[in-house]
């Protein structure tokens, strides 16, 4: 993986840590959203983070690899439509929560 992609992933994760909402994270965990990490960042704030980055297949793939709620959503939003076919089955098979499934359906599968 290219160094610039790794740097961009680090920058995104730093933004997520700064936007962390512990109350939301705790509530989601209690409701069964058992990710490795859940920052509890609200969707409007996540969309703002996504809008600060260009769609990029390598970045989206790198973000998807972590079992982090917010990274999975960002991966969906940052995946270009023409790059999704290659990872579609893998991502669908790894989707465990309805929130991620909804985002996949609304932003990638519908196309």
PDB file of N, CA and C in Angstrom:
ATOM      1  N   UNK A   1       0.839  -1.175   0.000  1.00  0.00           N
ATOM      2  CA  UNK A   1       0.000   0.000   0.000  1.00  0.00           C
ATOM      3  C   UNK A   1       0.889   1.245   0.000  1.00  0.00           C
ATOM      4  N   UNK A   2       0.487   2.225  -0.741  1.00  0.00           N
ATOM      5  CA  UNK A   2       1.287   3.434  -0.880  1.00  0.00           C
ATOM      6  C   UNK A   2       1.322   4.225   0.423  1.00  0.00           C
ATOM      7  N   UNK A   3       2.421   4.906   0.640  1.00  0.00           N
ATOM      8  CA  UNK A   3       2.599   5.690   1.868  1.00  0.00           C
ATOM      9  C   UNK A   3       1.558   6.796   1.994  1.00  0.00           C
ATOM     10  N   UNK A   4       1.186   7.420   0.857  1.00  0.00           N
ATOM     11  CA  UNK A   4       0.207   8.507   0.941  1.00  0.00           C
ATOM     12  C   UNK A   4      -1.170   7.997   1.384  1.00  0.00           C
ATOM     13  N   UNK A   5      -1.512   6.766   1.013  1.00  0.00           N
ATOM     14  CA  UNK A   5      -2.782   6.168   1.465  1.00  0.00           C
ATOM     15  C   UNK A   5      -2.709   5.901   2.971  1.00  0.00           C
ATOM     16  N   UNK A   6      -1.586   5.352   3.421  1.00  0.00           N
ATOM     17  CA  UNK A   6      -1.418   5.101   4.859  1.00  0.00           C
ATOM     18  C   UNK A   6      -1.479   6.399   5.654  1.00  0.00           C
ATOM     19  N   UNK A   7      -0.885   7.451   5.131  1.00  0.00           N
ATOM     20  CA  UNK A   7      -0.924   8.751   5.798  1.00  0.00           C
ATOM     21  C   UNK A   7      -2.349   9.289   5.859  1.00  0.00           C
ATOM     22  N   UNK A   8      -3.079   9.102   4.775  1.00  0.00           N
ATOM     23  CA  UNK A   8      -4.462   9.583   4.737  1.00  0.00           C
ATOM     24  C   UNK A   8      -5.338   8.802   5.722  1.00  0.00           C
ATOM     25  N   UNK A   9      -5.116   7.496   5.833  1.00  0.00           N
ATOM     26  CA  UNK A   9      -5.853   6.685   6.807  1.00  0.00           C
ATOM     27  C   UNK A   9      -5.543   7.170   8.223  1.00  0.00           C
ATOM     28  N   UNK A  10      -4.280   7.434   8.510  1.00  0.00           N
ATOM     29  CA  UNK A  10      -3.901   7.953   9.835  1.00  0.00           C
ATOM     30  C   UNK A  10      -4.589   9.287  10.120  1.00  0.00           C
ATOM     31  N   UNK A  11      -4.623  10.148   9.118  1.00  0.00           N
ATOM     32  CA  UNK A  11      -5.265  11.453   9.272  1.00  0.00           C
ATOM     33  C   UNK A  11      -6.762  11.285   9.562  1.00  0.00           C
ATOM     34  N   UNK A  12      -7.405  10.374   8.856  1.00  0.00           N
ATOM     35  CA  UNK A  12      -8.831  10.113   9.073  1.00  0.00           C
ATOM     36  C   UNK A  12      -9.070   9.584  10.478  1.00  0.00           C
ATOM     37  N   UNK A  13      -8.256   8.643  10.908  1.00  0.00           N
ATOM     38  CA  UNK A  13      -8.431   8.081  12.250  1.00  0.00           C
ATOM     39  C   UNK A  13      -8.199   9.137  13.328  1.00  0.00           C
ATOM     40  N   UNK A  14      -7.281  10.041  13.081  1.00  0.00           N
ATOM     41  CA  UNK A  14      -7.054  11.135  14.026  1.00  0.00           C
ATOM     42  C   UNK A  14      -8.310  12.008  14.104  1.00  0.00           C
ATOM     43  N   UNK A  15      -8.912  12.306  12.961  1.00  0.00           N
ATOM     44  CA  UNK A  15     -10.153  13.084  12.926  1.00  0.00           C
ATOM     45  C   UNK A  15     -11.267  12.369  13.679  1.00  0.00           C
ATOM     46  N   UNK A  16     -11.324  11.057  13.532  1.00  0.00           N
ATOM     47  CA  UNK A  16     -12.346  10.279  14.230  1.00  0.00           C
ATOM     48  C   UNK A  16     -12.149  10.334  15.740  1.00  0.00           C
ATOM     49  N   UNK A  17     -10.903  10.227  16.176  1.00  0.00           N
ATOM     50  CA  UNK A  17     -10.623  10.304  17.619  1.00  0.00           C
ATOM     51  C   UNK A  17     -11.026  11.649  18.182  1.00  0.00           C
ATOM     52  N   UNK A  18     -10.750  12.704  17.425  1.00  0.00           N
ATOM     53  CA  UNK A  18     -11.098  14.053  17.878  1.00  0.00           C
ATOM     54  C   UNK A  18     -12.614  14.275  17.920  1.00  0.00           C
ATOM     55  N   UNK A  19     -13.352  13.567  17.068  1.00  0.00           N
ATOM     56  CA  UNK A  19     -14.802  13.712  17.001  1.00  0.00           C
ATOM     57  C   UNK A  19     -15.534  12.682  17.858  1.00  0.00           C
ATOM     58  N   UNK A  20     -14.805  11.870  18.578  1.00  0.00           N
ATOM     59  CA  UNK A  20     -15.390  10.762  19.343  1.00  0.00           C
ATOM     60  C   UNK A  20     -16.485  11.254  20.292  1.00  0.00           C
ATOM     61  N   UNK A  21     -17.555  10.466  20.339  1.00  0.00           N
ATOM     62  CA  UNK A  21     -18.663  10.728  21.251  1.00  0.00           C
ATOM     63  C   UNK A  21     -18.843   9.475  22.103  1.00  0.00           C
ATOM     64  N   UNK A  22     -18.287   9.509  23.301  1.00  0.00           N
ATOM     65  CA  UNK A  22     -18.302   8.350  24.183  1.00  0.00           C
ATOM     66  C   UNK A  22     -19.691   7.888  24.571  1.00  0.00           C
ATOM     67  N   UNK A  23     -20.624   8.826  24.734  1.00  0.00           N
ATOM     68  CA  UNK A  23     -21.992   8.459  25.110  1.00  0.00           C
ATOM     69  C   UNK A  23     -22.645   7.648  23.999  1.00  0.00           C
ATOM     70  N   UNK A  24     -22.537   8.138  22.770  1.00  0.00           N
ATOM     71  CA  UNK A  24     -23.117   7.426  21.624  1.00  0.00           C
ATOM     72  C   UNK A  24     -22.449   6.075  21.442  1.00  0.00           C
ATOM     73  N   UNK A  25     -21.133   6.037  21.568  1.00  0.00           N
ATOM     74  CA  UNK A  25     -20.393   4.790  21.429  1.00  0.00           C
ATOM     75  C   UNK A  25     -20.868   3.750  22.453  1.00  0.00           C
ATOM     76  N   UNK A  26     -21.026   4.169  23.690  1.00  0.00           N
ATOM     77  CA  UNK A  26     -21.482   3.265  24.749  1.00  0.00           C
ATOM     78  C   UNK A  26     -22.889   2.769  24.468  1.00  0.00           C
ATOM     79  N   UNK A  27     -23.782   3.658  24.058  1.00  0.00           N
ATOM     80  CA  UNK A  27     -25.155   3.258  23.743  1.00  0.00           C
ATOM     81  C   UNK A  27     -25.189   2.264  22.582  1.00  0.00           C
ATOM     82  N   UNK A  28     -24.397   2.507  21.560  1.00  0.00           N
ATOM     83  CA  UNK A  28     -24.370   1.597  20.412  1.00  0.00           C
ATOM     84  C   UNK A  28     -23.830   0.230  20.814  1.00  0.00           C
ATOM     85  N   UNK A  29     -22.813   0.217  21.646  1.00  0.00           N
ATOM     86  CA  UNK A  29     -22.249  -1.051  22.109  1.00  0.00           C
ATOM     87  C   UNK A  29     -23.291  -1.837  22.919  1.00  0.00           C
ATOM     88  N   UNK A  30     -24.038  -1.135  23.754  1.00  0.00           N
ATOM     89  CA  UNK A  30     -25.098  -1.779  24.550  1.00  0.00           C
ATOM     90  C   UNK A  30     -26.198  -2.350  23.673  1.00  0.00           C
ATOM     91  N   UNK A  31     -26.416  -1.740  22.508  1.00  0.00           N
ATOM     92  CA  UNK A  31     -27.438  -2.204  21.576  1.00  0.00           C
ATOM     93  C   UNK A  31     -26.930  -3.312  20.659  1.00  0.00           C
ATOM     94  N   UNK A  32     -25.702  -3.746  20.869  1.00  0.00           N
ATOM     95  CA  UNK A  32     -25.185  -4.882  20.111  1.00  0.00           C
ATOM     96  C   UNK A  32     -24.250  -4.544  18.974  1.00  0.00           C
ATOM     97  N   UNK A  33     -23.930  -3.282  18.766  1.00  0.00           N
ATOM     98  CA  UNK A  33     -22.988  -2.908  17.712  1.00  0.00           C
ATOM     99  C   UNK A  33     -21.580  -3.093  18.262  1.00  0.00           C
ATOM    100  N   UNK A  34     -21.117  -4.321  18.181  1.00  0.00           N
ATOM    101  CA  UNK A  34     -19.862  -4.706  18.821  1.00  0.00           C
ATOM    102  C   UNK A  34     -18.713  -4.699  17.818  1.00  0.00           C
ATOM    103  N   UNK A  35     -18.264  -3.507  17.473  1.00  0.00           N
ATOM    104  CA  UNK A  35     -17.108  -3.344  16.607  1.00  0.00           C
ATOM    105  C   UNK A  35     -15.844  -3.418  17.452  1.00  0.00           C
ATOM    106  N   UNK A  36     -14.719  -3.648  16.817  1.00  0.00           N
ATOM    107  CA  UNK A  36     -13.433  -3.584  17.523  1.00  0.00           C
ATOM    108  C   UNK A  36     -13.303  -2.202  18.158  1.00  0.00           C
ATOM    109  N   UNK A  37     -13.601  -1.166  17.349  1.00  0.00           N
ATOM    110  CA  UNK A  37     -13.600   0.205  17.839  1.00  0.00           C
ATOM    111  C   UNK A  37     -14.849   0.892  17.300  1.00  0.00           C
ATOM    112  N   UNK A  38     -15.513   1.639  18.155  1.00  0.00           N
ATOM    113  CA  UNK A  38     -16.668   2.439  17.770  1.00  0.00           C
ATOM    114  C   UNK A  38     -16.472   3.806  18.408  1.00  0.00           C
ATOM    115  N   UNK A  39     -16.197   4.797  17.587  1.00  0.00           N
ATOM    116  CA  UNK A  39     -15.953   6.142  18.093  1.00  0.00           C
ATOM    117  C   UNK A  39     -17.253   6.880  18.424  1.00  0.00           C
ATOM    118  N   UNK A  40     -18.381   6.387  17.935  1.00  0.00           N
ATOM    119  CA  UNK A  40     -19.656   7.046  18.203  1.00  0.00           C
ATOM    120  C   UNK A  40     -19.830   8.356  17.453  1.00  0.00           C
ATOM    121  N   UNK A  41     -19.131   8.515  16.358  1.00  0.00           N
ATOM    122  CA  UNK A  41     -19.225   9.749  15.577  1.00  0.00           C
ATOM    123  C   UNK A  41     -20.546   9.728  14.797  1.00  0.00           C
ATOM    124  N   UNK A  42     -21.264  10.847  14.880  1.00  0.00           N
ATOM    125  CA  UNK A  42     -22.555  10.959  14.220  1.00  0.00           C
ATOM    126  C   UNK A  42     -22.386  11.040  12.701  1.00  0.00           C
ATOM    127  N   UNK A  43     -23.384  10.568  11.975  1.00  0.00           N
ATOM    128  CA  UNK A  43     -23.315  10.500  10.514  1.00  0.00           C
ATOM    129  C   UNK A  43     -23.059  11.864   9.868  1.00  0.00           C
ATOM    130  N   UNK A  44     -23.717  12.955  10.280  1.00  0.00           N
ATOM    131  CA  UNK A  44     -23.394  14.239   9.633  1.00  0.00           C
ATOM    132  C   UNK A  44     -21.918  14.621   9.771  1.00  0.00           C
ATOM    133  N   UNK A  45     -21.341  14.348  10.913  1.00  0.00           N
ATOM    134  CA  UNK A  45     -19.916  14.659  11.095  1.00  0.00           C
ATOM    135  C   UNK A  45     -19.064  13.724  10.239  1.00  0.00           C
ATOM    136  N   UNK A  46     -19.454  12.455  10.146  1.00  0.00           N
ATOM    137  CA  UNK A  46     -18.738  11.507   9.282  1.00  0.00           C
ATOM    138  C   UNK A  46     -18.782  11.957   7.824  1.00  0.00           C
ATOM    139  N   UNK A  47     -19.938  12.440   7.399  1.00  0.00           N
ATOM    140  CA  UNK A  47     -20.054  12.909   6.012  1.00  0.00           C
ATOM    141  C   UNK A  47     -19.126  14.096   5.769  1.00  0.00           C
ATOM    142  N   UNK A  48     -18.960  14.937   6.780  1.00  0.00           N
ATOM    143  CA  UNK A  48     -18.022  16.045   6.662  1.00  0.00           C
ATOM    144  C   UNK A  48     -16.595  15.561   6.490  1.00  0.00           C
ATOM    145  N   UNK A  49     -16.234  14.524   7.241  1.00  0.00           N
ATOM    146  CA  UNK A  49     -14.898  13.931   7.099  1.00  0.00           C
ATOM    147  C   UNK A  49     -14.747  13.333   5.706  1.00  0.00           C
ATOM    148  N   UNK A  50     -15.773  12.635   5.239  1.00  0.00           N
ATOM    149  CA  UNK A  50     -15.724  12.026   3.905  1.00  0.00           C
ATOM    150  C   UNK A  50     -15.588  13.096   2.824  1.00  0.00           C
ATOM    151  N   UNK A  51     -16.294  14.194   2.987  1.00  0.00           N
ATOM    152  CA  UNK A  51     -16.250  15.262   1.977  1.00  0.00           C
ATOM    153  C   UNK A  51     -14.875  15.923   1.882  1.00  0.00           C
ATOM    154  N   UNK A  52     -14.059  15.761   2.905  1.00  0.00           N
ATOM    155  CA  UNK A  52     -12.711  16.341   2.892  1.00  0.00           C
ATOM    156  C   UNK A  52     -11.726  15.476   2.110  1.00  0.00           C
ATOM    157  N   UNK A  53     -12.187  14.319   1.618  1.00  0.00           N
ATOM    158  CA  UNK A  53     -11.315  13.388   0.897  1.00  0.00           C
ATOM    159  C   UNK A  53     -11.935  13.036  -0.447  1.00  0.00           C
ATOM    160  N   UNK A  54     -11.093  12.750  -1.407  1.00  0.00           N
ATOM    161  CA  UNK A  54     -11.562  12.333  -2.728  1.00  0.00           C
ATOM    162  C   UNK A  54     -11.896  10.853  -2.714  1.00  0.00           C
ATOM    163  N   UNK A  55     -12.824  10.466  -3.590  1.00  0.00           N
ATOM    164  CA  UNK A  55     -13.125   9.040  -3.739  1.00  0.00           C
ATOM    165  C   UNK A  55     -11.878   8.345  -4.271  1.00  0.00           C
ATOM    166  N   UNK A  56     -11.548   7.230  -3.638  1.00  0.00           N
ATOM    167  CA  UNK A  56     -10.308   6.540  -3.976  1.00  0.00           C
ATOM    168  C   UNK A  56     -10.455   5.081  -3.559  1.00  0.00           C
ATOM    169  N   UNK A  57     -10.303   4.185  -4.509  1.00  0.00           N
ATOM    170  CA  UNK A  57     -10.485   2.760  -4.251  1.00  0.00           C
ATOM    171  C   UNK A  57      -9.493   2.234  -3.219  1.00  0.00           C
ATOM    172  N   UNK A  58      -8.229   2.637  -3.326  1.00  0.00           N
ATOM    173  CA  UNK A  58      -7.214   2.141  -2.386  1.00  0.00           C
ATOM    174  C   UNK A  58      -7.488   2.644  -0.969  1.00  0.00           C
ATOM    175  N   UNK A  59      -7.884   3.904  -0.842  1.00  0.00           N
ATOM    176  CA  UNK A  59      -8.216   4.462   0.470  1.00  0.00           C
ATOM    177  C   UNK A  59      -9.428   3.746   1.060  1.00  0.00           C
ATOM    178  N   UNK A  60     -10.463   3.562   0.257  1.00  0.00           N
ATOM    179  CA  UNK A  60     -11.669   2.882   0.736  1.00  0.00           C
ATOM    180  C   UNK A  60     -11.352   1.455   1.179  1.00  0.00           C
ATOM    181  N   UNK A  61     -10.550   0.755   0.418  1.00  0.00           N
ATOM    182  CA  UNK A  61     -10.177  -0.619   0.770  1.00  0.00           C
ATOM    183  C   UNK A  61      -9.383  -0.645   2.071  1.00  0.00           C
ATOM    184  N   UNK A  62      -8.476   0.299   2.241  1.00  0.00           N
ATOM    185  CA  UNK A  62      -7.693   0.358   3.480  1.00  0.00           C
ATOM    186  C   UNK A  62      -8.584   0.658   4.678  1.00  0.00           C
ATOM    187  N   UNK A  63      -9.537   1.553   4.515  1.00  0.00           N
ATOM    188  CA  UNK A  63     -10.446   1.876   5.615  1.00  0.00           C
ATOM    189  C   UNK A  63     -11.335   0.696   5.977  1.00  0.00           C
ATOM    190  N   UNK A  64     -11.770  -0.059   4.976  1.00  0.00           N
ATOM    191  CA  UNK A  64     -12.671  -1.194   5.218  1.00  0.00           C
ATOM    192  C   UNK A  64     -12.000  -2.275   6.059  1.00  0.00           C
ATOM    193  N   UNK A  65     -10.699  -2.429   5.932  1.00  0.00           N
ATOM    194  CA  UNK A  65      -9.992  -3.533   6.587  1.00  0.00           C
ATOM    195  C   UNK A  65     -10.107  -3.508   8.104  1.00  0.00           C
ATOM    196  N   UNK A  66     -10.211  -2.332   8.689  1.00  0.00           N
ATOM    197  CA  UNK A  66     -10.324  -2.237  10.143  1.00  0.00           C
ATOM    198  C   UNK A  66     -11.764  -2.478  10.563  1.00  0.00           C
ATOM    199  N   UNK A  67     -11.944  -3.171  11.659  1.00  0.00           N
ATOM    200  CA  UNK A  67     -13.294  -3.394  12.173  1.00  0.00           C
ATOM    201  C   UNK A  67     -13.684  -2.200  13.041  1.00  0.00           C
ATOM    202  N   UNK A  68     -13.746  -1.049  12.381  1.00  0.00           N
ATOM    203  CA  UNK A  68     -14.102   0.210  13.029  1.00  0.00           C
ATOM    204  C   UNK A  68     -15.343   0.743  12.319  1.00  0.00           C
ATOM    205  N   UNK A  69     -16.386   0.972  13.094  1.00  0.00           N
ATOM    206  CA  UNK A  69     -17.676   1.403  12.535  1.00  0.00           C
ATOM    207  C   UNK A  69     -17.505   2.573  11.553  1.00  0.00           C
ATOM    208  N   UNK A  70     -16.875   3.613  11.993  1.00  0.00           N
ATOM    209  CA  UNK A  70     -16.761   4.818  11.186  1.00  0.00           C
ATOM    210  C   UNK A  70     -15.898   4.603   9.946  1.00  0.00           C
ATOM    211  N   UNK A  71     -14.870   3.799  10.052  1.00  0.00           N
ATOM    212  CA  UNK A  71     -14.017   3.511   8.887  1.00  0.00           C
ATOM    213  C   UNK A  71     -14.788   2.746   7.830  1.00  0.00           C
ATOM    214  N   UNK A  72     -15.644   1.834   8.247  1.00  0.00           N
ATOM    215  CA  UNK A  72     -16.449   1.079   7.275  1.00  0.00           C
ATOM    216  C   UNK A  72     -17.404   2.010   6.531  1.00  0.00           C
ATOM    217  N   UNK A  73     -18.037   2.927   7.260  1.00  0.00           N
ATOM    218  CA  UNK A  73     -18.946   3.860   6.587  1.00  0.00           C
ATOM    219  C   UNK A  73     -18.177   4.788   5.646  1.00  0.00           C
ATOM    220  N   UNK A  74     -17.038   5.285   6.107  1.00  0.00           N
ATOM    221  CA  UNK A  74     -16.226   6.136   5.242  1.00  0.00           C
ATOM    222  C   UNK A  74     -15.760   5.372   4.007  1.00  0.00           C
ATOM    223  N   UNK A  75     -15.414   4.106   4.177  1.00  0.00           N
ATOM    224  CA  UNK A  75     -14.991   3.291   3.033  1.00  0.00           C
ATOM    225  C   UNK A  75     -16.100   3.224   1.983  1.00  0.00           C
ATOM    226  N   UNK A  76     -17.323   3.044   2.439  1.00  0.00           N
ATOM    227  CA  UNK A  76     -18.462   2.977   1.518  1.00  0.00           C
ATOM    228  C   UNK A  76     -18.610   4.289   0.759  1.00  0.00           C
ATOM    229  N   UNK A  77     -18.534   5.388   1.468  1.00  0.00           N
ATOM    230  CA  UNK A  77     -18.737   6.700   0.845  1.00  0.00           C
ATOM    231  C   UNK A  77     -17.569   7.109  -0.038  1.00  0.00           C
ATOM    232  N   UNK A  78     -16.372   6.589   0.242  1.00  0.00           N
ATOM    233  CA  UNK A  78     -15.187   6.982  -0.531  1.00  0.00           C
ATOM    234  C   UNK A  78     -14.851   6.012  -1.665  1.00  0.00           C
ATOM    235  N   UNK A  79     -15.601   4.921  -1.782  1.00  0.00           N
ATOM    236  CA  UNK A  79     -15.362   3.957  -2.860  1.00  0.00           C
ATOM    237  C   UNK A  79     -15.985   4.476  -4.156  1.00  0.00           C
ATOM    238  N   UNK A  80     -15.178   4.635  -5.198  1.00  0.00           N
ATOM    239  CA  UNK A  80     -15.758   5.016  -6.497  1.00  0.00           C
ATOM    240  C   UNK A  80     -16.630   3.874  -7.019  1.00  0.00           C
ATOM    241  N   UNK A  81     -17.678   4.235  -7.708  1.00  0.00           N
ATOM    242  CA  UNK A  81     -18.612   3.219  -8.210  1.00  0.00           C
ATOM    243  C   UNK A  81     -17.916   2.170  -9.062  1.00  0.00           C
ATOM    244  N   UNK A  82     -16.964   2.578  -9.894  1.00  0.00           N
ATOM    245  CA  UNK A  82     -16.312   1.631 -10.796  1.00  0.00           C
ATOM    246  C   UNK A  82     -15.333   0.706 -10.074  1.00  0.00           C
ATOM    247  N   UNK A  83     -14.980   0.988  -8.829  1.00  0.00           N
ATOM    248  CA  UNK A  83     -14.075   0.120  -8.082  1.00  0.00           C
ATOM    249  C   UNK A  83     -14.772  -0.885  -7.196  1.00  0.00           C
ATOM    250  N   UNK A  84     -16.069  -0.702  -6.999  1.00  0.00           N
ATOM    251  CA  UNK A  84     -16.788  -1.542  -6.037  1.00  0.00           C
ATOM    252  C   UNK A  84     -16.976  -2.976  -6.508  1.00  0.00           C
ATOM    253  N   UNK A  85     -17.113  -3.207  -7.805  1.00  0.00           N
ATOM    254  CA  UNK A  85     -17.363  -4.561  -8.313  1.00  0.00           C
ATOM    255  C   UNK A  85     -16.322  -5.564  -7.829  1.00  0.00           C
ATOM    256  N   UNK A  86     -15.081  -5.113  -7.713  1.00  0.00           N
ATOM    257  CA  UNK A  86     -13.994  -6.014  -7.316  1.00  0.00           C
ATOM    258  C   UNK A  86     -14.082  -6.453  -5.859  1.00  0.00           C
ATOM    259  N   UNK A  87     -14.688  -5.641  -5.006  1.00  0.00           N
ATOM    260  CA  UNK A  87     -14.736  -5.958  -3.574  1.00  0.00           C
ATOM    261  C   UNK A  87     -16.150  -6.219  -3.073  1.00  0.00           C
ATOM    262  N   UNK A  88     -17.138  -6.158  -3.954  1.00  0.00           N
ATOM    263  CA  UNK A  88     -18.541  -6.243  -3.540  1.00  0.00           C
ATOM    264  C   UNK A  88     -18.841  -7.488  -2.717  1.00  0.00           C
ATOM    265  N   UNK A  89     -18.496  -8.657  -3.220  1.00  0.00           N
ATOM    266  CA  UNK A  89     -18.813  -9.896  -2.494  1.00  0.00           C
ATOM    267  C   UNK A  89     -18.126  -9.945  -1.136  1.00  0.00           C
ATOM    268  N   UNK A  90     -16.884  -9.524  -1.092  1.00  0.00           N
ATOM    269  CA  UNK A  90     -16.134  -9.525   0.160  1.00  0.00           C
ATOM    270  C   UNK A  90     -16.800  -8.605   1.179  1.00  0.00           C
ATOM    271  N   UNK A  91     -17.118  -7.385   0.764  1.00  0.00           N
ATOM    272  CA  UNK A  91     -17.714  -6.417   1.685  1.00  0.00           C
ATOM    273  C   UNK A  91     -19.091  -6.878   2.151  1.00  0.00           C
ATOM    274  N   UNK A  92     -19.888  -7.396   1.236  1.00  0.00           N
ATOM    275  CA  UNK A  92     -21.217  -7.885   1.615  1.00  0.00           C
ATOM    276  C   UNK A  92     -21.079  -9.030   2.617  1.00  0.00           C
ATOM    277  N   UNK A  93     -20.155  -9.934   2.371  1.00  0.00           N
ATOM    278  CA  UNK A  93     -19.936 -11.059   3.270  1.00  0.00           C
ATOM    279  C   UNK A  93     -19.420 -10.665   4.642  1.00  0.00           C
ATOM    280  N   UNK A  94     -18.735  -9.537   4.727  1.00  0.00           N
ATOM    281  CA  UNK A  94     -18.171  -9.079   5.998  1.00  0.00           C
ATOM    282  C   UNK A  94     -19.089  -8.109   6.743  1.00  0.00           C
ATOM    283  N   UNK A  95     -20.226  -7.801   6.175  1.00  0.00           N
ATOM    284  CA  UNK A  95     -21.151  -6.856   6.803  1.00  0.00           C
ATOM    285  C   UNK A  95     -21.959  -7.575   7.870  1.00  0.00           C
ATOM    286  N   UNK A  96     -21.797  -7.104   9.118  1.00  0.00           N
ATOM    287  CA  UNK A  96     -22.455  -7.750  10.253  1.00  0.00           C
ATOM    288  C   UNK A  96     -23.599  -6.936  10.846  1.00  0.00           C
ATOM    289  N   UNK A  97     -23.658  -5.662  10.557  1.00  0.00           N
ATOM    290  CA  UNK A  97     -24.637  -4.798  11.201  1.00  0.00           C
ATOM    291  C   UNK A  97     -25.500  -4.091  10.169  1.00  0.00           C
ATOM    292  N   UNK A  98     -26.768  -3.883  10.515  1.00  0.00           N
ATOM    293  CA  UNK A  98     -27.728  -3.294   9.574  1.00  0.00           C
ATOM    294  C   UNK A  98     -27.341  -1.879   9.164  1.00  0.00           C
ATOM    295  N   UNK A  99     -26.705  -1.137  10.045  1.00  0.00           N
ATOM    296  CA  UNK A  99     -26.293   0.230   9.721  1.00  0.00           C
ATOM    297  C   UNK A  99     -25.331   0.234   8.519  1.00  0.00           C
ATOM    298  N   UNK A 100     -24.396  -0.689   8.518  1.00  0.00           N
ATOM    299  CA  UNK A 100     -23.437  -0.788   7.407  1.00  0.00           C
ATOM    300  C   UNK A 100     -24.137  -1.327   6.163  1.00  0.00           C
ATOM    301  N   UNK A 101     -25.015  -2.309   6.344  1.00  0.00           N
ATOM    302  CA  UNK A 101     -25.765  -2.867   5.212  1.00  0.00           C
ATOM    303  C   UNK A 101     -26.617  -1.783   4.547  1.00  0.00           C
ATOM    304  N   UNK A 102     -27.239  -0.934   5.354  1.00  0.00           N
ATOM    305  CA  UNK A 102     -28.042   0.163   4.804  1.00  0.00           C
ATOM    306  C   UNK A 102     -27.179   1.105   3.976  1.00  0.00           C
ATOM    307  N   UNK A 103     -26.004   1.449   4.495  1.00  0.00           N
ATOM    308  CA  UNK A 103     -25.107   2.353   3.765  1.00  0.00           C
ATOM    309  C   UNK A 103     -24.625   1.717   2.463  1.00  0.00           C
ATOM    310  N   UNK A 104     -24.303   0.424   2.513  1.00  0.00           N
ATOM    311  CA  UNK A 104     -23.897  -0.277   1.289  1.00  0.00           C
ATOM    312  C   UNK A 104     -25.015  -0.234   0.250  1.00  0.00           C
ATOM    313  N   UNK A 105     -26.231  -0.530   0.695  1.00  0.00           N
ATOM    314  CA  UNK A 105     -27.363  -0.556  -0.228  1.00  0.00           C
ATOM    315  C   UNK A 105     -27.637   0.821  -0.834  1.00  0.00           C
ATOM    316  N   UNK A 106     -27.597   1.848   0.003  1.00  0.00           N
ATOM    317  CA  UNK A 106     -27.933   3.210  -0.462  1.00  0.00           C
ATOM    318  C   UNK A 106     -26.853   3.833  -1.344  1.00  0.00           C
ATOM    319  N   UNK A 107     -25.595   3.491  -1.077  1.00  0.00           N
ATOM    320  CA  UNK A 107     -24.527   4.216  -1.768  1.00  0.00           C
ATOM    321  C   UNK A 107     -23.787   3.410  -2.832  1.00  0.00           C
ATOM    322  N   UNK A 108     -23.825   2.082  -2.765  1.00  0.00           N
ATOM    323  CA  UNK A 108     -23.075   1.296  -3.743  1.00  0.00           C
ATOM    324  C   UNK A 108     -23.916   0.251  -4.452  1.00  0.00           C
ATOM    325  N   UNK A 109     -24.690  -0.529  -3.732  1.00  0.00           N
ATOM    326  CA  UNK A 109     -25.429  -1.623  -4.358  1.00  0.00           C
ATOM    327  C   UNK A 109     -26.519  -1.134  -5.289  1.00  0.00           C
ATOM    328  N   UNK A 110     -27.082   0.016  -5.003  1.00  0.00           N
ATOM    329  CA  UNK A 110     -28.155   0.554  -5.849  1.00  0.00           C
ATOM    330  C   UNK A 110     -27.648   0.963  -7.234  1.00  0.00           C
ATOM    331  N   UNK A 111     -26.343   1.069  -7.381  1.00  0.00           N
ATOM    332  CA  UNK A 111     -25.768   1.473  -8.666  1.00  0.00           C
ATOM    333  C   UNK A 111     -25.297   0.260  -9.413  1.00  0.00           C
TER     334      UNK A 111
END
